[in-house]
């Protein structure tokens, strides 16, 4: 159970950091609406990738 909490904390903090990175890269270069959409898309892609990695870990552990 502690492991799941650690993974959840790392996933949330990574997604928040990813939004900040996008903001720092394109903030001020594009309109605020475009920046928001790029952040949403980046977080969605990151969440899908993290979900795939979590699914792979669960699948591998069940085979043991």
Protein backbone atom coordinates (compact mmCIF):
# COMPACT_ATOMS: atom_id res chain seq x y z
CA UNK A 1 0.00 0.00 0.00
CA UNK A 2 2.85 2.39 0.82
CA UNK A 3 4.28 1.69 -2.60
CA UNK A 4 1.08 2.82 -4.33
CA UNK A 5 1.06 6.07 -2.37
CA UNK A 6 4.65 6.76 -3.35
CA UNK A 7 3.92 6.04 -7.03
CA UNK A 8 0.83 8.27 -6.90
CA UNK A 9 2.77 11.12 -5.31
CA UNK A 10 5.54 10.84 -7.91
CA UNK A 11 3.03 10.73 -10.77
CA UNK A 12 1.15 13.81 -9.59
CA UNK A 13 4.31 15.79 -8.92
CA UNK A 14 5.73 14.79 -12.30
CA UNK A 15 2.60 15.98 -14.10
CA UNK A 16 2.66 19.28 -12.23
CA UNK A 17 6.32 19.73 -13.06
CA UNK A 18 5.58 18.94 -16.71
CA UNK A 19 2.95 21.73 -16.84
CA UNK A 20 5.47 24.15 -15.38
CA UNK A 21 8.07 23.13 -17.98
CA UNK A 22 5.57 23.77 -20.78
CA UNK A 23 4.70 27.13 -19.23
CA UNK A 24 8.36 28.13 -19.04
CA UNK A 25 9.01 27.05 -22.63
CA UNK A 26 6.10 28.72 -24.38
CA UNK A 27 4.72 31.17 -21.82
CA UNK A 28 4.60 34.65 -23.35
CA UNK A 29 5.30 33.34 -26.86
CA UNK A 30 1.74 32.26 -27.54
CA UNK A 31 -1.67 33.36 -26.29
CA UNK A 32 -2.73 32.18 -22.81
CA UNK A 33 -5.46 30.00 -24.34
CA UNK A 34 -2.96 28.22 -26.59
CA UNK A 35 -0.60 27.77 -23.66
CA UNK A 36 -3.41 26.22 -21.62
CA UNK A 37 -4.29 23.79 -24.41
CA UNK A 38 -0.65 22.77 -24.87
CA UNK A 39 -0.40 22.14 -21.10
CA UNK A 40 -3.57 20.05 -21.16
CA UNK A 41 -2.31 17.99 -24.11
CA UNK A 42 1.13 17.51 -22.52
CA UNK A 43 -0.37 16.37 -19.21
CA UNK A 44 -2.76 14.01 -21.00
CA UNK A 45 0.10 12.43 -22.95
CA UNK A 46 2.18 12.13 -19.76
CA UNK A 47 -0.74 10.54 -17.89
CA UNK A 48 -1.26 7.99 -20.67
CA UNK A 49 2.43 7.10 -20.67
CA UNK A 50 2.50 6.77 -16.86
CA UNK A 51 -0.65 4.66 -16.98
CA UNK A 52 0.97 2.35 -19.53
CA UNK A 53 4.05 2.00 -17.34
CA UNK A 54 1.91 1.26 -14.27
CA UNK A 55 -0.10 -1.32 -16.24
CA UNK A 56 3.16 -2.98 -17.32
CA UNK A 57 4.40 -3.16 -13.72
CA UNK A 58 1.13 -4.70 -12.53
CA UNK A 59 1.16 -7.20 -15.41
CA UNK A 60 4.76 -8.25 -14.70
CA UNK A 61 4.13 -8.67 -10.97
CA UNK A 62 1.10 -10.87 -11.56
CA UNK A 63 3.20 -13.25 -13.66
CA UNK A 64 5.52 -13.96 -10.73
